[in-house]
Amino acid sequence: MNRKHIKPIPVLAAVITASSTRTKENDTSGKTICDILRNAGIEVQHYAIVPDQIGAIRAEIYHALNNSNCLIINGGTGLTHDDCTIEAVTPLLDKKIDGFGELFRMKSFNEIGTSSILSRALGGICQGKAIFCIPGSTSAVILATKELIVPEISHILSHANK
């Protein structure tokens, strides 16, 4: 993919934490994502914490899509009975970015070993906007946001809006 295809599209981000236990006071992962984005010159338009419920996650996504073109949802991507972020997001995607999850797991393997296969990290496009679902650990959000999302988001949005 030729980097000459990148258009000057302003990136407007939304950060959503899917958790039944996190609050604005203890959501270090959500705050870390916001900090990384702001340090990269990306404006954070929306920040919310929602419970691990498909309806609540989708409602917040629809709300965030009104003013953001890069949504990062952290939490709820594992295998426990209440992890439902992937189930909430997948039906909304027009296209999946398979390489995002693959590369995230590959890079995670270097940090945490074979337990990286438990992650269902996902990226995709909805209405020409990028949605990323990443684990809720602080180390995972740093890896995903700093090493994968920030370097490619303008490129992704340029192709998604051709």
N, C-alpha and C. Protein backbone atom coordinates (compact mmCIF):
# COMPACT_ATOMS: atom_id res chain seq x y z
N MET A 1 0.84 -1.17 0.00
CA MET A 1 0.00 0.00 0.00
C MET A 1 0.88 1.24 0.00
N ASN A 2 0.66 2.06 -0.96
CA ASN A 2 1.48 3.24 -1.17
C ASN A 2 1.10 4.35 -0.20
N ARG A 3 2.07 4.86 0.54
CA ARG A 3 1.80 5.93 1.51
C ARG A 3 1.41 7.23 0.82
N LYS A 4 1.60 7.31 -0.49
CA LYS A 4 1.17 8.50 -1.23
C LYS A 4 -0.35 8.60 -1.28
N HIS A 5 -1.03 7.52 -0.92
CA HIS A 5 -2.49 7.51 -0.91
C HIS A 5 -3.09 8.22 0.30
N ILE A 6 -2.25 8.59 1.25
CA ILE A 6 -2.75 9.19 2.49
C ILE A 6 -3.28 10.60 2.20
N LYS A 7 -4.53 10.80 2.59
CA LYS A 7 -5.18 12.09 2.43
C LYS A 7 -5.10 12.86 3.75
N PRO A 8 -5.18 14.17 3.68
CA PRO A 8 -5.14 14.97 4.92
C PRO A 8 -6.50 14.95 5.64
N ILE A 9 -6.85 13.80 6.18
CA ILE A 9 -8.11 13.64 6.90
C ILE A 9 -7.84 13.88 8.39
N PRO A 10 -8.55 14.82 9.01
CA PRO A 10 -8.35 15.00 10.45
C PRO A 10 -8.84 13.76 11.20
N VAL A 11 -8.03 13.28 12.13
CA VAL A 11 -8.40 12.12 12.93
C VAL A 11 -9.05 12.62 14.21
N LEU A 12 -10.28 12.20 14.42
CA LEU A 12 -11.05 12.58 15.60
C LEU A 12 -11.39 11.30 16.34
N ALA A 13 -10.85 11.13 17.53
CA ALA A 13 -10.92 9.85 18.22
C ALA A 13 -12.00 9.79 19.29
N ALA A 14 -12.43 8.55 19.51
CA ALA A 14 -13.30 8.22 20.63
C ALA A 14 -12.66 7.05 21.36
N VAL A 15 -12.68 7.11 22.67
CA VAL A 15 -12.14 6.04 23.50
C VAL A 15 -13.28 5.52 24.37
N ILE A 16 -13.52 4.22 24.26
CA ILE A 16 -14.58 3.58 25.03
C ILE A 16 -13.97 2.43 25.82
N THR A 17 -14.19 2.42 27.11
CA THR A 17 -13.76 1.32 27.96
C THR A 17 -14.97 0.46 28.27
N ALA A 18 -14.88 -0.81 27.91
CA ALA A 18 -15.94 -1.77 28.20
C ALA A 18 -15.56 -2.53 29.47
N SER A 19 -16.24 -2.22 30.55
CA SER A 19 -15.91 -2.85 31.83
C SER A 19 -17.05 -2.61 32.82
N SER A 20 -17.31 -3.63 33.62
CA SER A 20 -18.31 -3.48 34.67
C SER A 20 -17.69 -3.07 36.00
N THR A 21 -16.34 -2.92 36.02
CA THR A 21 -15.67 -2.57 37.27
C THR A 21 -14.89 -1.25 37.20
N ARG A 22 -14.59 -0.77 36.02
CA ARG A 22 -13.78 0.45 35.91
C ARG A 22 -14.65 1.69 36.07
N THR A 23 -14.00 2.72 36.63
CA THR A 23 -14.62 4.03 36.77
C THR A 23 -13.66 5.06 36.17
N LYS A 24 -14.09 6.29 36.04
CA LYS A 24 -13.19 7.32 35.51
C LYS A 24 -11.98 7.51 36.41
N GLU A 25 -12.11 7.18 37.68
CA GLU A 25 -11.00 7.32 38.62
C GLU A 25 -9.95 6.22 38.44
N ASN A 26 -10.36 5.00 38.08
CA ASN A 26 -9.40 3.91 38.00
C ASN A 26 -9.21 3.34 36.59
N ASP A 27 -9.70 4.02 35.59
CA ASP A 27 -9.56 3.54 34.21
C ASP A 27 -8.21 3.98 33.64
N THR A 28 -7.15 3.34 34.09
CA THR A 28 -5.81 3.71 33.61
C THR A 28 -5.64 3.41 32.13
N SER A 29 -6.27 2.36 31.63
CA SER A 29 -6.12 2.03 30.21
C SER A 29 -6.78 3.07 29.31
N GLY A 30 -8.00 3.46 29.64
CA GLY A 30 -8.67 4.49 28.85
C GLY A 30 -7.90 5.80 28.86
N LYS A 31 -7.41 6.18 30.04
CA LYS A 31 -6.63 7.41 30.15
C LYS A 31 -5.32 7.30 29.36
N THR A 32 -4.70 6.12 29.37
CA THR A 32 -3.46 5.91 28.63
C THR A 32 -3.69 6.07 27.14
N ILE A 33 -4.78 5.51 26.63
CA ILE A 33 -5.10 5.66 25.21
C ILE A 33 -5.27 7.14 24.88
N CYS A 34 -6.04 7.85 25.69
CA CYS A 34 -6.26 9.28 25.46
C CYS A 34 -4.94 10.04 25.44
N ASP A 35 -4.06 9.74 26.37
CA ASP A 35 -2.75 10.41 26.44
C ASP A 35 -1.92 10.14 25.20
N ILE A 36 -1.86 8.89 24.77
CA ILE A 36 -1.08 8.53 23.58
C ILE A 36 -1.63 9.26 22.36
N LEU A 37 -2.94 9.28 22.21
CA LEU A 37 -3.56 9.96 21.07
C LEU A 37 -3.25 11.45 21.10
N ARG A 38 -3.44 12.08 22.22
CA ARG A 38 -3.19 13.53 22.33
C ARG A 38 -1.72 13.85 22.07
N ASN A 39 -0.82 13.02 22.58
CA ASN A 39 0.61 13.23 22.35
C ASN A 39 0.98 13.07 20.88
N ALA A 40 0.16 12.34 20.14
CA ALA A 40 0.37 12.16 18.70
C ALA A 40 -0.35 13.24 17.89
N GLY A 41 -0.99 14.20 18.57
CA GLY A 41 -1.70 15.27 17.88
C GLY A 41 -3.09 14.89 17.42
N ILE A 42 -3.64 13.82 17.98
CA ILE A 42 -4.99 13.37 17.62
C ILE A 42 -5.95 13.85 18.70
N GLU A 43 -6.98 14.52 18.27
CA GLU A 43 -7.98 15.06 19.19
C GLU A 43 -8.92 13.97 19.67
N VAL A 44 -9.12 13.89 20.97
CA VAL A 44 -10.06 12.92 21.55
C VAL A 44 -11.39 13.65 21.75
N GLN A 45 -12.37 13.27 20.96
CA GLN A 45 -13.69 13.91 20.97
C GLN A 45 -14.62 13.32 22.02
N HIS A 46 -14.37 12.05 22.37
CA HIS A 46 -15.35 11.31 23.15
C HIS A 46 -14.63 10.30 24.04
N TYR A 47 -15.05 10.20 25.28
CA TYR A 47 -14.51 9.20 26.20
C TYR A 47 -15.66 8.72 27.07
N ALA A 48 -15.78 7.39 27.18
CA ALA A 48 -16.86 6.82 27.99
C ALA A 48 -16.46 5.47 28.54
N ILE A 49 -17.11 5.11 29.62
CA ILE A 49 -16.99 3.77 30.19
C ILE A 49 -18.38 3.16 30.17
N VAL A 50 -18.47 1.95 29.61
CA VAL A 50 -19.76 1.27 29.52
C VAL A 50 -19.63 -0.14 30.10
N PRO A 51 -20.74 -0.69 30.59
CA PRO A 51 -20.68 -2.06 31.12
C PRO A 51 -20.49 -3.08 30.00
N ASP A 52 -20.02 -4.26 30.38
CA ASP A 52 -19.83 -5.36 29.43
C ASP A 52 -21.19 -5.92 29.00
N GLN A 53 -21.88 -5.17 28.16
CA GLN A 53 -23.19 -5.57 27.66
C GLN A 53 -23.26 -5.16 26.20
N ILE A 54 -23.69 -6.07 25.35
CA ILE A 54 -23.72 -5.79 23.91
C ILE A 54 -24.50 -4.52 23.61
N GLY A 55 -25.68 -4.37 24.17
CA GLY A 55 -26.50 -3.19 23.90
C GLY A 55 -25.83 -1.90 24.33
N ALA A 56 -25.21 -1.91 25.49
CA ALA A 56 -24.54 -0.70 26.00
C ALA A 56 -23.34 -0.34 25.13
N ILE A 57 -22.59 -1.34 24.71
CA ILE A 57 -21.42 -1.09 23.86
C ILE A 57 -21.86 -0.53 22.52
N ARG A 58 -22.85 -1.14 21.90
CA ARG A 58 -23.34 -0.64 20.60
C ARG A 58 -23.91 0.76 20.71
N ALA A 59 -24.67 1.04 21.76
CA ALA A 59 -25.24 2.38 21.92
C ALA A 59 -24.13 3.43 22.00
N GLU A 60 -23.06 3.11 22.72
CA GLU A 60 -21.95 4.06 22.85
C GLU A 60 -21.20 4.22 21.54
N ILE A 61 -21.08 3.13 20.78
CA ILE A 61 -20.44 3.21 19.46
C ILE A 61 -21.25 4.13 18.55
N TYR A 62 -22.56 3.92 18.49
CA TYR A 62 -23.40 4.78 17.64
C TYR A 62 -23.28 6.24 18.05
N HIS A 63 -23.22 6.49 19.34
CA HIS A 63 -23.06 7.86 19.83
C HIS A 63 -21.71 8.43 19.39
N ALA A 64 -20.65 7.65 19.54
CA ALA A 64 -19.30 8.11 19.19
C ALA A 64 -19.13 8.31 17.69
N LEU A 65 -19.81 7.52 16.89
CA LEU A 65 -19.70 7.66 15.42
C LEU A 65 -20.21 9.01 14.93
N ASN A 66 -21.01 9.70 15.73
CA ASN A 66 -21.53 11.01 15.33
C ASN A 66 -20.45 12.07 15.22
N ASN A 67 -19.36 11.93 16.01
CA ASN A 67 -18.34 12.99 15.99
C ASN A 67 -16.91 12.46 15.93
N SER A 68 -16.73 11.17 15.69
CA SER A 68 -15.39 10.59 15.67
C SER A 68 -15.23 9.66 14.46
N ASN A 69 -14.00 9.55 13.97
CA ASN A 69 -13.74 8.64 12.86
C ASN A 69 -12.71 7.56 13.22
N CYS A 70 -12.29 7.55 14.47
CA CYS A 70 -11.37 6.53 14.98
C CYS A 70 -11.83 6.15 16.37
N LEU A 71 -12.45 4.98 16.50
CA LEU A 71 -12.96 4.52 17.79
C LEU A 71 -12.05 3.43 18.32
N ILE A 72 -11.61 3.58 19.55
CA ILE A 72 -10.80 2.56 20.19
C ILE A 72 -11.55 2.08 21.43
N ILE A 73 -11.93 0.81 21.39
CA ILE A 73 -12.67 0.20 22.49
C ILE A 73 -11.72 -0.73 23.21
N ASN A 74 -11.52 -0.51 24.48
CA ASN A 74 -10.64 -1.39 25.24
C ASN A 74 -11.45 -2.17 26.27
N GLY A 75 -11.10 -3.45 26.40
CA GLY A 75 -11.78 -4.32 27.34
C GLY A 75 -12.80 -5.21 26.65
N GLY A 76 -13.07 -6.33 27.26
CA GLY A 76 -14.11 -7.24 26.76
C GLY A 76 -13.72 -8.05 25.55
N THR A 77 -12.43 -8.20 25.29
CA THR A 77 -11.99 -8.93 24.09
C THR A 77 -11.49 -10.33 24.39
N GLY A 78 -11.59 -10.76 25.63
CA GLY A 78 -11.07 -12.06 26.02
C GLY A 78 -12.10 -13.17 25.86
N LEU A 79 -11.94 -14.21 26.67
CA LEU A 79 -12.76 -15.43 26.53
C LEU A 79 -13.69 -15.68 27.70
N THR A 80 -13.75 -14.78 28.67
CA THR A 80 -14.63 -15.04 29.81
C THR A 80 -16.09 -14.88 29.40
N HIS A 81 -16.99 -15.34 30.24
CA HIS A 81 -18.42 -15.32 29.92
C HIS A 81 -18.96 -13.91 29.69
N ASP A 82 -18.36 -12.90 30.32
CA ASP A 82 -18.87 -11.55 30.16
C ASP A 82 -18.14 -10.72 29.11
N ASP A 83 -17.11 -11.28 28.46
CA ASP A 83 -16.40 -10.57 27.38
C ASP A 83 -17.27 -10.59 26.12
N CYS A 84 -17.80 -9.43 25.74
CA CYS A 84 -18.73 -9.39 24.61
C CYS A 84 -18.47 -8.24 23.64
N THR A 85 -17.32 -7.59 23.76
CA THR A 85 -17.03 -6.46 22.87
C THR A 85 -16.99 -6.91 21.41
N ILE A 86 -16.35 -8.02 21.13
CA ILE A 86 -16.25 -8.50 19.75
C ILE A 86 -17.63 -8.83 19.20
N GLU A 87 -18.47 -9.45 20.02
CA GLU A 87 -19.82 -9.78 19.58
C GLU A 87 -20.64 -8.52 19.33
N ALA A 88 -20.38 -7.47 20.10
CA ALA A 88 -21.10 -6.20 19.91
C ALA A 88 -20.66 -5.49 18.64
N VAL A 89 -19.38 -5.55 18.32
CA VAL A 89 -18.81 -4.76 17.23
C VAL A 89 -18.87 -5.45 15.87
N THR A 90 -18.59 -6.73 15.81
CA THR A 90 -18.45 -7.43 14.53
C THR A 90 -19.64 -7.21 13.57
N PRO A 91 -20.89 -7.31 14.03
CA PRO A 91 -21.99 -7.10 13.08
C PRO A 91 -22.09 -5.67 12.52
N LEU A 92 -21.42 -4.72 13.16
CA LEU A 92 -21.47 -3.33 12.72
C LEU A 92 -20.45 -3.03 11.62
N LEU A 93 -19.48 -3.92 11.43
CA LEU A 93 -18.38 -3.65 10.51
C LEU A 93 -18.76 -3.90 9.06
N ASP A 94 -18.39 -2.96 8.20
CA ASP A 94 -18.54 -3.14 6.76
C ASP A 94 -17.38 -3.97 6.22
N LYS A 95 -16.20 -3.79 6.80
CA LYS A 95 -15.00 -4.53 6.44
C LYS A 95 -14.17 -4.76 7.69
N LYS A 96 -13.51 -5.93 7.75
CA LYS A 96 -12.59 -6.20 8.84
C LYS A 96 -11.17 -5.87 8.40
N ILE A 97 -10.35 -5.43 9.33
CA ILE A 97 -8.92 -5.22 9.08
C ILE A 97 -8.22 -6.39 9.77
N ASP A 98 -8.19 -7.53 9.08
CA ASP A 98 -7.66 -8.75 9.69
C ASP A 98 -6.23 -8.58 10.18
N GLY A 99 -5.42 -7.84 9.43
CA GLY A 99 -4.02 -7.67 9.80
C GLY A 99 -3.83 -7.00 11.15
N PHE A 100 -4.78 -6.19 11.58
CA PHE A 100 -4.65 -5.53 12.88
C PHE A 100 -4.59 -6.56 14.01
N GLY A 101 -5.57 -7.43 14.06
CA GLY A 101 -5.59 -8.45 15.12
C GLY A 101 -4.42 -9.40 15.01
N GLU A 102 -4.08 -9.77 13.78
CA GLU A 102 -2.96 -10.69 13.57
C GLU A 102 -1.65 -10.06 14.07
N LEU A 103 -1.41 -8.82 13.69
CA LEU A 103 -0.17 -8.15 14.09
C LEU A 103 -0.16 -7.87 15.59
N PHE A 104 -1.31 -7.51 16.15
CA PHE A 104 -1.38 -7.29 17.59
C PHE A 104 -0.98 -8.56 18.34
N ARG A 105 -1.54 -9.70 17.94
CA ARG A 105 -1.22 -10.95 18.62
C ARG A 105 0.24 -11.33 18.42
N MET A 106 0.78 -11.08 17.22
CA MET A 106 2.18 -11.39 16.98
C MET A 106 3.08 -10.55 17.89
N LYS A 107 2.81 -9.26 17.96
CA LYS A 107 3.62 -8.39 18.80
C LYS A 107 3.40 -8.71 20.29
N SER A 108 2.19 -9.09 20.66
CA SER A 108 1.90 -9.47 22.05
C SER A 108 2.66 -10.73 22.43
N PHE A 109 2.82 -11.63 21.49
CA PHE A 109 3.55 -12.87 21.75
C PHE A 109 4.95 -12.57 22.28
N ASN A 110 5.57 -11.53 21.74
CA ASN A 110 6.91 -11.15 22.18
C ASN A 110 6.91 -10.67 23.63
N GLU A 111 5.76 -10.17 24.11
CA GLU A 111 5.67 -9.66 25.48
C GLU A 111 5.13 -10.69 26.47
N ILE A 112 4.11 -11.46 26.05
CA ILE A 112 3.43 -12.34 27.01
C ILE A 112 3.43 -13.81 26.61
N GLY A 113 4.02 -14.14 25.49
CA GLY A 113 4.10 -15.54 25.09
C GLY A 113 2.81 -16.07 24.49
N THR A 114 2.63 -17.39 24.64
CA THR A 114 1.52 -18.05 23.96
C THR A 114 0.15 -17.63 24.47
N SER A 115 0.06 -17.01 25.63
CA SER A 115 -1.25 -16.56 26.10
C SER A 115 -1.82 -15.46 25.21
N SER A 116 -1.01 -14.95 24.29
CA SER A 116 -1.51 -13.94 23.34
C SER A 116 -2.63 -14.51 22.46
N ILE A 117 -2.73 -15.84 22.34
CA ILE A 117 -3.80 -16.41 21.51
C ILE A 117 -5.18 -16.21 22.14
N LEU A 118 -5.23 -15.85 23.41
CA LEU A 118 -6.51 -15.62 24.06
C LEU A 118 -7.13 -14.29 23.67
N SER A 119 -6.35 -13.41 23.05
CA SER A 119 -6.86 -12.10 22.65
C SER A 119 -7.65 -12.20 21.35
N ARG A 120 -8.80 -11.54 21.33
CA ARG A 120 -9.59 -11.47 20.11
C ARG A 120 -9.55 -10.06 19.54
N ALA A 121 -8.41 -9.36 19.70
CA ALA A 121 -8.27 -8.00 19.19
C ALA A 121 -8.76 -7.94 17.74
N LEU A 122 -9.43 -6.84 17.40
CA LEU A 122 -10.11 -6.74 16.11
C LEU A 122 -10.05 -5.30 15.61
N GLY A 123 -9.92 -5.15 14.32
CA GLY A 123 -10.02 -3.83 13.70
C GLY A 123 -10.97 -3.94 12.51
N GLY A 124 -11.63 -2.82 12.20
CA GLY A 124 -12.53 -2.82 11.05
C GLY A 124 -13.01 -1.43 10.71
N ILE A 125 -13.82 -1.39 9.65
CA ILE A 125 -14.38 -0.14 9.15
C ILE A 125 -15.89 -0.19 9.26
N CYS A 126 -16.46 0.89 9.76
CA CYS A 126 -17.91 1.07 9.86
C CYS A 126 -18.24 2.47 9.36
N GLN A 127 -18.99 2.57 8.29
CA GLN A 127 -19.39 3.87 7.74
C GLN A 127 -18.18 4.75 7.42
N GLY A 128 -17.10 4.13 6.91
CA GLY A 128 -15.90 4.88 6.57
C GLY A 128 -15.06 5.29 7.76
N LYS A 129 -15.39 4.78 8.93
CA LYS A 129 -14.67 5.12 10.16
C LYS A 129 -14.02 3.86 10.72
N ALA A 130 -12.88 4.02 11.38
CA ALA A 130 -12.13 2.89 11.91
C ALA A 130 -12.57 2.58 13.34
N ILE A 131 -12.73 1.28 13.61
CA ILE A 131 -13.04 0.82 14.96
C ILE A 131 -12.00 -0.24 15.32
N PHE A 132 -11.40 -0.08 16.50
CA PHE A 132 -10.42 -1.03 17.00
C PHE A 132 -10.90 -1.54 18.35
N CYS A 133 -10.85 -2.85 18.53
CA CYS A 133 -11.20 -3.47 19.81
C CYS A 133 -9.92 -4.11 20.35
N ILE A 134 -9.51 -3.67 21.52
CA ILE A 134 -8.24 -4.13 22.08
C ILE A 134 -8.44 -4.55 23.54
N PRO A 135 -7.55 -5.41 24.04
CA PRO A 135 -7.66 -5.80 25.45
C PRO A 135 -7.54 -4.58 26.36
N GLY A 136 -8.02 -4.76 27.59
CA GLY A 136 -8.05 -3.64 28.52
C GLY A 136 -6.84 -3.46 29.40
N SER A 137 -5.83 -4.31 29.27
CA SER A 137 -4.64 -4.11 30.10
C SER A 137 -3.86 -2.91 29.59
N THR A 138 -3.19 -2.23 30.51
CA THR A 138 -2.46 -1.03 30.12
C THR A 138 -1.35 -1.35 29.13
N SER A 139 -0.65 -2.46 29.32
CA SER A 139 0.42 -2.81 28.37
C SER A 139 -0.16 -3.10 26.98
N ALA A 140 -1.34 -3.70 26.91
CA ALA A 140 -1.97 -3.99 25.62
C ALA A 140 -2.40 -2.70 24.92
N VAL A 141 -2.95 -1.75 25.66
CA VAL A 141 -3.39 -0.51 25.01
C VAL A 141 -2.21 0.31 24.53
N ILE A 142 -1.11 0.26 25.25
CA ILE A 142 0.10 0.97 24.79
C ILE A 142 0.58 0.35 23.49
N LEU A 143 0.69 -0.98 23.46
CA LEU A 143 1.14 -1.67 22.25
C LEU A 143 0.23 -1.35 21.07
N ALA A 144 -1.06 -1.54 21.24
CA ALA A 144 -2.01 -1.35 20.13
C ALA A 144 -2.07 0.10 19.66
N THR A 145 -2.18 1.02 20.61
CA THR A 145 -2.38 2.42 20.23
C THR A 145 -1.11 3.05 19.69
N LYS A 146 -0.01 2.87 20.41
CA LYS A 146 1.24 3.53 20.04
C LYS A 146 1.91 2.88 18.83
N GLU A 147 1.91 1.56 18.78
CA GLU A 147 2.67 0.87 17.74
C GLU A 147 1.87 0.51 16.49
N LEU A 148 0.55 0.42 16.60
CA LEU A 148 -0.25 0.00 15.45
C LEU A 148 -1.24 1.06 14.97
N ILE A 149 -2.05 1.57 15.87
CA ILE A 149 -3.13 2.48 15.46
C ILE A 149 -2.60 3.84 15.04
N VAL A 150 -1.84 4.50 15.90
CA VAL A 150 -1.36 5.85 15.59
C VAL A 150 -0.55 5.89 14.29
N PRO A 151 0.38 4.96 14.06
CA PRO A 151 1.16 5.05 12.82
C PRO A 151 0.35 4.84 11.54
N GLU A 152 -0.79 4.15 11.62
CA GLU A 152 -1.53 3.80 10.40
C GLU A 152 -2.91 4.43 10.27
N ILE A 153 -3.39 5.16 11.28
CA ILE A 153 -4.78 5.61 11.23
C ILE A 153 -5.08 6.53 10.04
N SER A 154 -4.19 7.43 9.69
CA SER A 154 -4.45 8.30 8.54
C SER A 154 -4.50 7.48 7.25
N HIS A 155 -3.63 6.51 7.14
CA HIS A 155 -3.60 5.62 5.98
C HIS A 155 -4.90 4.82 5.89
N ILE A 156 -5.35 4.27 7.03
CA ILE A 156 -6.59 3.50 7.08
C ILE A 156 -7.77 4.36 6.67
N LEU A 157 -7.89 5.55 7.26
CA LEU A 157 -9.03 6.42 6.95
C LEU A 157 -9.00 6.90 5.51
N SER A 158 -7.82 7.10 4.94
CA SER A 158 -7.72 7.50 3.54
C SER A 158 -8.30 6.43 2.63
N HIS A 159 -7.96 5.17 2.89
CA HIS A 159 -8.47 4.08 2.06
C HIS A 159 -9.96 3.83 2.33
N ALA A 160 -10.37 3.98 3.57
CA ALA A 160 -11.78 3.73 3.92
C ALA A 160 -12.71 4.78 3.34
N ASN A 161 -12.15 5.91 2.93
CA ASN A 161 -12.99 7.01 2.43
C ASN A 161 -12.72 7.34 0.97
N LYS A 162 -12.22 6.37 0.21
CA LYS A 162 -12.00 6.58 -1.23
C LYS A 162 -13.31 6.51 -1.96
